[in-house]
PDB file of all heavy atoms in Angstrom:
ATOM      1  N   SER A   1     110.743 150.381 156.061  1.00  0.00           N
ATOM      2  CA  SER A   1     111.828 149.688 155.394  1.00  0.00           C
ATOM      3  C   SER A   1     111.370 148.261 155.034  1.00  0.00           C
ATOM      4  O   SER A   1     110.398 147.766 155.518  1.00  0.00           O
ATOM      5  CB  SER A   1     113.046 149.585 156.293  1.00  0.00           C
ATOM      6  OG  SER A   1     113.536 150.884 156.582  1.00  0.00           O
ATOM      7  N   GLY A   2     112.126 147.619 154.188  1.00  0.00           N
ATOM      8  CA  GLY A   2     111.873 146.260 153.791  1.00  0.00           C
ATOM      9  C   GLY A   2     111.270 146.235 152.396  1.00  0.00           C
ATOM     10  O   GLY A   2     110.670 147.198 151.924  1.00  0.00           O
ATOM     11  N   ASP A   3     111.466 145.113 151.746  1.00  0.00           N
ATOM     12  CA  ASP A   3     111.056 144.917 150.353  1.00  0.00           C
ATOM     13  C   ASP A   3     109.935 143.845 150.343  1.00  0.00           C
ATOM     14  O   ASP A   3     110.202 142.666 150.613  1.00  0.00           O
ATOM     15  CB  ASP A   3     112.234 144.430 149.501  1.00  0.00           C
ATOM     16  CG  ASP A   3     111.896 144.364 148.032  1.00  0.00           C
ATOM     17  OD1 ASP A   3     110.774 144.667 147.642  1.00  0.00           O
ATOM     18  OD2 ASP A   3     112.799 144.004 147.235  1.00  0.00           O
ATOM     19  N   LEU A   4     108.702 144.249 150.078  1.00  0.00           N
ATOM     20  CA  LEU A   4     107.572 143.350 150.047  1.00  0.00           C
ATOM     21  C   LEU A   4     107.635 142.478 148.815  1.00  0.00           C
ATOM     22  O   LEU A   4     107.641 142.951 147.700  1.00  0.00           O
ATOM     23  CB  LEU A   4     106.270 144.126 150.126  1.00  0.00           C
ATOM     24  CG  LEU A   4     105.005 143.312 150.034  1.00  0.00           C
ATOM     25  CD1 LEU A   4     104.883 142.383 151.250  1.00  0.00           C
ATOM     26  CD2 LEU A   4     103.771 144.182 149.929  1.00  0.00           C
ATOM     27  N   LEU A   5     107.672 141.164 149.046  1.00  0.00           N
ATOM     28  CA  LEU A   5     107.770 140.202 147.937  1.00  0.00           C
ATOM     29  C   LEU A   5     106.491 139.431 147.719  1.00  0.00           C
ATOM     30  O   LEU A   5     106.484 138.516 146.909  1.00  0.00           O
ATOM     31  CB  LEU A   5     108.935 139.221 148.251  1.00  0.00           C
ATOM     32  CG  LEU A   5     109.541 138.433 147.114  1.00  0.00           C
ATOM     33  CD1 LEU A   5     110.269 139.400 146.134  1.00  0.00           C
ATOM     34  CD2 LEU A   5     110.464 137.363 147.585  1.00  0.00           C
ATOM     35  N   ASP A   6     105.457 139.764 148.399  1.00  0.00           N
ATOM     36  CA  ASP A   6     104.171 139.059 148.337  1.00  0.00           C
ATOM     37  C   ASP A   6     103.608 139.068 146.901  1.00  0.00           C
ATOM     38  O   ASP A   6     103.290 140.069 146.342  1.00  0.00           O
ATOM     39  CB  ASP A   6     103.168 139.707 149.311  1.00  0.00           C
ATOM     40  CG  ASP A   6     102.403 138.681 150.092  1.00  0.00           C
ATOM     41  OD1 ASP A   6     102.043 137.648 149.527  1.00  0.00           O
ATOM     42  OD2 ASP A   6     102.171 138.894 151.301  1.00  0.00           O
ATOM     43  N   GLY A   7     103.489 137.834 146.307  1.00  0.00           N
ATOM     44  CA  GLY A   7     102.945 137.724 144.976  1.00  0.00           C
ATOM     45  C   GLY A   7     103.942 138.037 143.889  1.00  0.00           C
ATOM     46  O   GLY A   7     103.555 138.185 142.699  1.00  0.00           O
ATOM     47  N   LYS A   8     105.215 138.131 144.200  1.00  0.00           N
ATOM     48  CA  LYS A   8     106.262 138.558 143.242  1.00  0.00           C
ATOM     49  C   LYS A   8     107.361 137.559 143.127  1.00  0.00           C
ATOM     50  O   LYS A   8     107.612 136.767 144.053  1.00  0.00           O
ATOM     51  CB  LYS A   8     106.805 139.921 143.652  1.00  0.00           C
ATOM     52  CG  LYS A   8     105.811 141.028 143.817  1.00  0.00           C
ATOM     53  CD  LYS A   8     106.465 142.285 144.318  1.00  0.00           C
ATOM     54  CE  LYS A   8     105.462 143.397 144.591  1.00  0.00           C
ATOM     55  NZ  LYS A   8     106.135 144.580 145.203  1.00  0.00           N
ATOM     56  N   VAL A   9     108.093 137.625 142.013  1.00  0.00           N
ATOM     57  CA  VAL A   9     109.321 136.883 141.799  1.00  0.00           C
ATOM     58  C   VAL A   9     110.440 137.923 141.540  1.00  0.00           C
ATOM     59  O   VAL A   9     110.209 138.903 140.829  1.00  0.00           O
ATOM     60  CB  VAL A   9     109.223 135.962 140.576  1.00  0.00           C
ATOM     61  CG1 VAL A   9     110.517 135.187 140.392  1.00  0.00           C
ATOM     62  CG2 VAL A   9     108.050 134.970 140.725  1.00  0.00           C
ATOM     63  N   LYS A  10     111.557 137.741 142.151  1.00  0.00           N
ATOM     64  CA  LYS A  10     112.620 138.743 142.028  1.00  0.00           C
ATOM     65  C   LYS A  10     114.005 138.123 142.042  1.00  0.00           C
ATOM     66  O   LYS A  10     114.241 137.093 142.730  1.00  0.00           O
ATOM     67  CB  LYS A  10     112.484 139.756 143.196  1.00  0.00           C
ATOM     68  CG  LYS A  10     113.447 140.914 143.129  1.00  0.00           C
ATOM     69  CD  LYS A  10     113.079 141.945 144.192  1.00  0.00           C
ATOM     70  CE  LYS A  10     113.971 143.160 144.063  1.00  0.00           C
ATOM     71  NZ  LYS A  10     113.645 144.204 145.088  1.00  0.00           N
ATOM     72  N   ARG A  11     114.949 138.694 141.334  1.00  0.00           N
ATOM     73  CA  ARG A  11     116.365 138.365 141.405  1.00  0.00           C
ATOM     74  C   ARG A  11     117.046 139.442 142.213  1.00  0.00           C
ATOM     75  O   ARG A  11     116.976 140.638 141.872  1.00  0.00           O
ATOM     76  CB  ARG A  11     116.995 138.243 140.030  1.00  0.00           C
ATOM     77  CG  ARG A  11     118.460 137.856 140.087  1.00  0.00           C
ATOM     78  CD  ARG A  11     119.054 137.681 138.665  1.00  0.00           C
ATOM     79  NE  ARG A  11     120.402 137.243 138.704  1.00  0.00           N
ATOM     80  CZ  ARG A  11     121.477 138.055 138.700  1.00  0.00           C
ATOM     81  NH1 ARG A  11     121.301 139.356 138.637  1.00  0.00           N
ATOM     82  NH2 ARG A  11     122.694 137.555 138.751  1.00  0.00           N
ATOM     83  N   LEU A  12     117.665 139.063 143.313  1.00  0.00           N
ATOM     84  CA  LEU A  12     118.359 140.031 144.159  1.00  0.00           C
ATOM     85  C   LEU A  12     119.716 140.376 143.539  1.00  0.00           C
ATOM     86  O   LEU A  12     120.531 139.496 143.250  1.00  0.00           O
ATOM     87  CB  LEU A  12     118.578 139.431 145.557  1.00  0.00           C
ATOM     88  CG  LEU A  12     117.300 138.958 146.288  1.00  0.00           C
ATOM     89  CD1 LEU A  12     117.630 138.423 147.690  1.00  0.00           C
ATOM     90  CD2 LEU A  12     116.242 140.090 146.354  1.00  0.00           C
ATOM     91  N   LYS A  13     119.916 141.637 143.318  1.00  0.00           N
ATOM     92  CA  LYS A  13     121.085 142.083 142.580  1.00  0.00           C
ATOM     93  C   LYS A  13     122.393 141.782 143.275  1.00  0.00           C
ATOM     94  O   LYS A  13     123.377 141.397 142.671  1.00  0.00           O
ATOM     95  CB  LYS A  13     120.998 143.596 142.319  1.00  0.00           C
ATOM     96  CG  LYS A  13     119.881 144.007 141.371  1.00  0.00           C
ATOM     97  CD  LYS A  13     119.830 145.495 141.128  1.00  0.00           C
ATOM     98  CE  LYS A  13     118.774 145.888 140.131  1.00  0.00           C
ATOM     99  NZ  LYS A  13     118.712 147.354 139.917  1.00  0.00           N
ATOM    100  N   ARG A  14     122.464 141.916 144.612  1.00  0.00           N
ATOM    101  CA  ARG A  14     123.721 141.718 145.294  1.00  0.00           C
ATOM    102  C   ARG A  14     124.200 140.286 145.290  1.00  0.00           C
ATOM    103  O   ARG A  14     125.403 140.044 145.261  1.00  0.00           O
ATOM    104  CB  ARG A  14     123.547 142.209 146.759  1.00  0.00           C
ATOM    105  CG  ARG A  14     123.384 143.697 146.908  1.00  0.00           C
ATOM    106  CD  ARG A  14     123.377 144.079 148.372  1.00  0.00           C
ATOM    107  NE  ARG A  14     123.140 145.494 148.540  1.00  0.00           N
ATOM    108  CZ  ARG A  14     123.127 146.135 149.761  1.00  0.00           C
ATOM    109  NH1 ARG A  14     123.343 145.404 150.849  1.00  0.00           N
ATOM    110  NH2 ARG A  14     122.873 147.424 149.835  1.00  0.00           N
ATOM    111  N   SER A  15     123.255 139.366 145.352  1.00  0.00           N
ATOM    112  CA  SER A  15     123.604 137.938 145.478  1.00  0.00           C
ATOM    113  C   SER A  15     123.240 137.116 144.274  1.00  0.00           C
ATOM    114  O   SER A  15     123.798 136.000 144.136  1.00  0.00           O
ATOM    115  CB  SER A  15     122.891 137.374 146.714  1.00  0.00           C
ATOM    116  OG  SER A  15     121.483 137.454 146.476  1.00  0.00           O
ATOM    117  N   GLY A  16     122.393 137.609 143.405  1.00  0.00           N
ATOM    118  CA  GLY A  16     121.911 136.790 142.286  1.00  0.00           C
ATOM    119  C   GLY A  16     120.889 135.777 142.711  1.00  0.00           C
ATOM    120  O   GLY A  16     120.449 134.921 141.909  1.00  0.00           O
ATOM    121  N   LEU A  17     120.431 135.821 143.975  1.00  0.00           N
ATOM    122  CA  LEU A  17     119.460 134.868 144.470  1.00  0.00           C
ATOM    123  C   LEU A  17     118.106 135.109 143.823  1.00  0.00           C
ATOM    124  O   LEU A  17     117.650 136.243 143.641  1.00  0.00           O
ATOM    125  CB  LEU A  17     119.375 135.108 145.971  1.00  0.00           C
ATOM    126  CG  LEU A  17     118.833 133.946 146.860  1.00  0.00           C
ATOM    127  CD1 LEU A  17     119.767 132.756 146.776  1.00  0.00           C
ATOM    128  CD2 LEU A  17     118.683 134.413 148.299  1.00  0.00           C
ATOM    129  N   LEU A  18     117.463 134.008 143.440  1.00  0.00           N
ATOM    130  CA  LEU A  18     116.107 134.071 142.834  1.00  0.00           C
ATOM    131  C   LEU A  18     115.125 133.698 143.925  1.00  0.00           C
ATOM    132  O   LEU A  18     115.112 132.603 144.505  1.00  0.00           O
ATOM    133  CB  LEU A  18     115.988 133.046 141.688  1.00  0.00           C
ATOM    134  CG  LEU A  18     117.026 133.226 140.578  1.00  0.00           C
ATOM    135  CD1 LEU A  18     116.813 132.116 139.510  1.00  0.00           C
ATOM    136  CD2 LEU A  18     116.925 134.607 139.948  1.00  0.00           C
ATOM    137  N   VAL A  19     114.229 134.689 144.266  1.00  0.00           N
ATOM    138  CA  VAL A  19     113.287 134.532 145.368  1.00  0.00           C
ATOM    139  C   VAL A  19     111.896 134.831 144.888  1.00  0.00           C
ATOM    140  O   VAL A  19     111.697 135.613 143.912  1.00  0.00           O
ATOM    141  CB  VAL A  19     113.678 135.400 146.569  1.00  0.00           C
ATOM    142  CG1 VAL A  19     114.974 134.947 147.203  1.00  0.00           C
ATOM    143  CG2 VAL A  19     113.786 136.884 146.131  1.00  0.00           C
ATOM    144  N   ALA A  20     110.880 134.292 145.590  1.00  0.00           N
ATOM    145  CA  ALA A  20     109.493 134.553 145.304  1.00  0.00           C
ATOM    146  C   ALA A  20     108.742 134.499 146.624  1.00  0.00           C
ATOM    147  O   ALA A  20     109.160 133.827 147.545  1.00  0.00           O
ATOM    148  CB  ALA A  20     108.934 133.567 144.282  1.00  0.00           C
ATOM    149  N   GLY A  21     107.577 135.162 146.678  1.00  0.00           N
ATOM    150  CA  GLY A  21     106.822 135.200 147.916  1.00  0.00           C
ATOM    151  C   GLY A  21     105.334 135.000 147.739  1.00  0.00           C
ATOM    152  O   GLY A  21     104.743 135.544 146.794  1.00  0.00           O
ATOM    153  N   LEU A  22     104.766 134.223 148.593  1.00  0.00           N
ATOM    154  CA  LEU A  22     103.266 133.972 148.604  1.00  0.00           C
ATOM    155  C   LEU A  22     102.840 134.034 150.066  1.00  0.00           C
ATOM    156  O   LEU A  22     102.864 132.982 150.762  1.00  0.00           O
ATOM    157  CB  LEU A  22     102.918 132.636 148.000  1.00  0.00           C
ATOM    158  CG  LEU A  22     103.056 132.550 146.451  1.00  0.00           C
ATOM    159  CD1 LEU A  22     102.939 131.103 145.978  1.00  0.00           C
ATOM    160  CD2 LEU A  22     102.001 133.425 145.803  1.00  0.00           C
ATOM    161  N   GLY A  23     102.479 135.213 150.539  1.00  0.00           N
ATOM    162  CA  GLY A  23     102.091 135.405 151.935  1.00  0.00           C
ATOM    163  C   GLY A  23     100.628 135.002 152.164  1.00  0.00           C
ATOM    164  O   GLY A  23      99.921 134.577 151.271  1.00  0.00           O
ATOM    165  N   GLY A  24     100.230 135.138 153.412  1.00  0.00           N
ATOM    166  CA  GLY A  24      98.845 134.843 153.792  1.00  0.00           C
ATOM    167  C   GLY A  24      98.623 133.459 154.270  1.00  0.00           C
ATOM    168  O   GLY A  24      99.407 132.552 154.115  1.00  0.00           O
ATOM    169  N   SER A  25      97.414 133.262 154.852  1.00  0.00           N
ATOM    170  CA  SER A  25      97.035 131.936 155.428  1.00  0.00           C
ATOM    171  C   SER A  25      95.820 131.413 154.670  1.00  0.00           C
ATOM    172  O   SER A  25      95.212 132.087 153.853  1.00  0.00           O
ATOM    173  CB  SER A  25      96.730 132.102 156.910  1.00  0.00           C
ATOM    174  OG  SER A  25      95.488 132.800 157.097  1.00  0.00           O
ATOM    175  N   MET A  26      95.418 130.236 155.072  1.00  0.00           N
ATOM    176  CA  MET A  26      94.192 129.646 154.548  1.00  0.00           C
ATOM    177  C   MET A  26      92.999 130.486 155.011  1.00  0.00           C
ATOM    178  O   MET A  26      93.030 131.051 156.127  1.00  0.00           O
ATOM    179  CB  MET A  26      94.050 128.212 155.081  1.00  0.00           C
ATOM    180  CG  MET A  26      92.831 127.454 154.563  1.00  0.00           C
ATOM    181  SD  MET A  26      92.909 127.147 152.778  1.00  0.00           S
ATOM    182  CE  MET A  26      94.155 125.854 152.719  1.00  0.00           C
ATOM    183  N   LEU A  27      91.998 130.640 154.158  1.00  0.00           N
ATOM    184  CA  LEU A  27      90.797 131.377 154.464  1.00  0.00           C
ATOM    185  C   LEU A  27      90.034 130.749 155.629  1.00  0.00           C
ATOM    186  O   LEU A  27      89.621 129.579 155.537  1.00  0.00           O
ATOM    187  CB  LEU A  27      89.932 131.460 153.222  1.00  0.00           C
ATOM    188  CG  LEU A  27      88.614 132.290 153.297  1.00  0.00           C
ATOM    189  CD1 LEU A  27      88.911 133.751 153.514  1.00  0.00           C
ATOM    190  CD2 LEU A  27      87.786 132.062 152.055  1.00  0.00           C
ATOM    191  N   TYR A  28      89.862 131.469 156.720  1.00  0.00           N
ATOM    192  CA  TYR A  28      89.164 130.883 157.860  1.00  0.00           C
ATOM    193  C   TYR A  28      88.119 131.790 158.482  1.00  0.00           C
ATOM    194  O   TYR A  28      87.180 131.366 159.113  1.00  0.00           O
ATOM    195  CB  TYR A  28      90.136 130.415 158.955  1.00  0.00           C
ATOM    196  CG  TYR A  28      90.967 131.521 159.573  1.00  0.00           C
ATOM    197  CD1 TYR A  28      90.579 132.132 160.759  1.00  0.00           C
ATOM    198  CD2 TYR A  28      92.170 131.962 158.986  1.00  0.00           C
ATOM    199  CE1 TYR A  28      91.338 133.141 161.330  1.00  0.00           C
ATOM    200  CE2 TYR A  28      92.918 132.975 159.537  1.00  0.00           C
ATOM    201  CZ  TYR A  28      92.514 133.547 160.748  1.00  0.00           C
ATOM    202  OH  TYR A  28      93.269 134.532 161.298  1.00  0.00           O
ATOM    203  N   ASN A  29      88.220 133.095 158.305  1.00  0.00           N
ATOM    204  CA  ASN A  29      87.191 134.008 158.823  1.00  0.00           C
ATOM    205  C   ASN A  29      86.990 135.208 157.904  1.00  0.00           C
ATOM    206  O   ASN A  29      86.440 136.229 158.353  1.00  0.00           O
ATOM    207  CB  ASN A  29      87.442 134.424 160.235  1.00  0.00           C
ATOM    208  CG  ASN A  29      88.649 135.343 160.385  1.00  0.00           C
ATOM    209  OD1 ASN A  29      89.290 135.722 159.422  1.00  0.00           O
ATOM    210  ND2 ASN A  29      88.981 135.719 161.628  1.00  0.00           N
TER     211      ASN A  29
END
């Protein structure tokens, strides 16, 4: 379950909320 937003922009239909996601950390290993 769950909606992966990594690297995406989306408008949530139920709320009209505008969300975007950029996961991950700084490159270290």
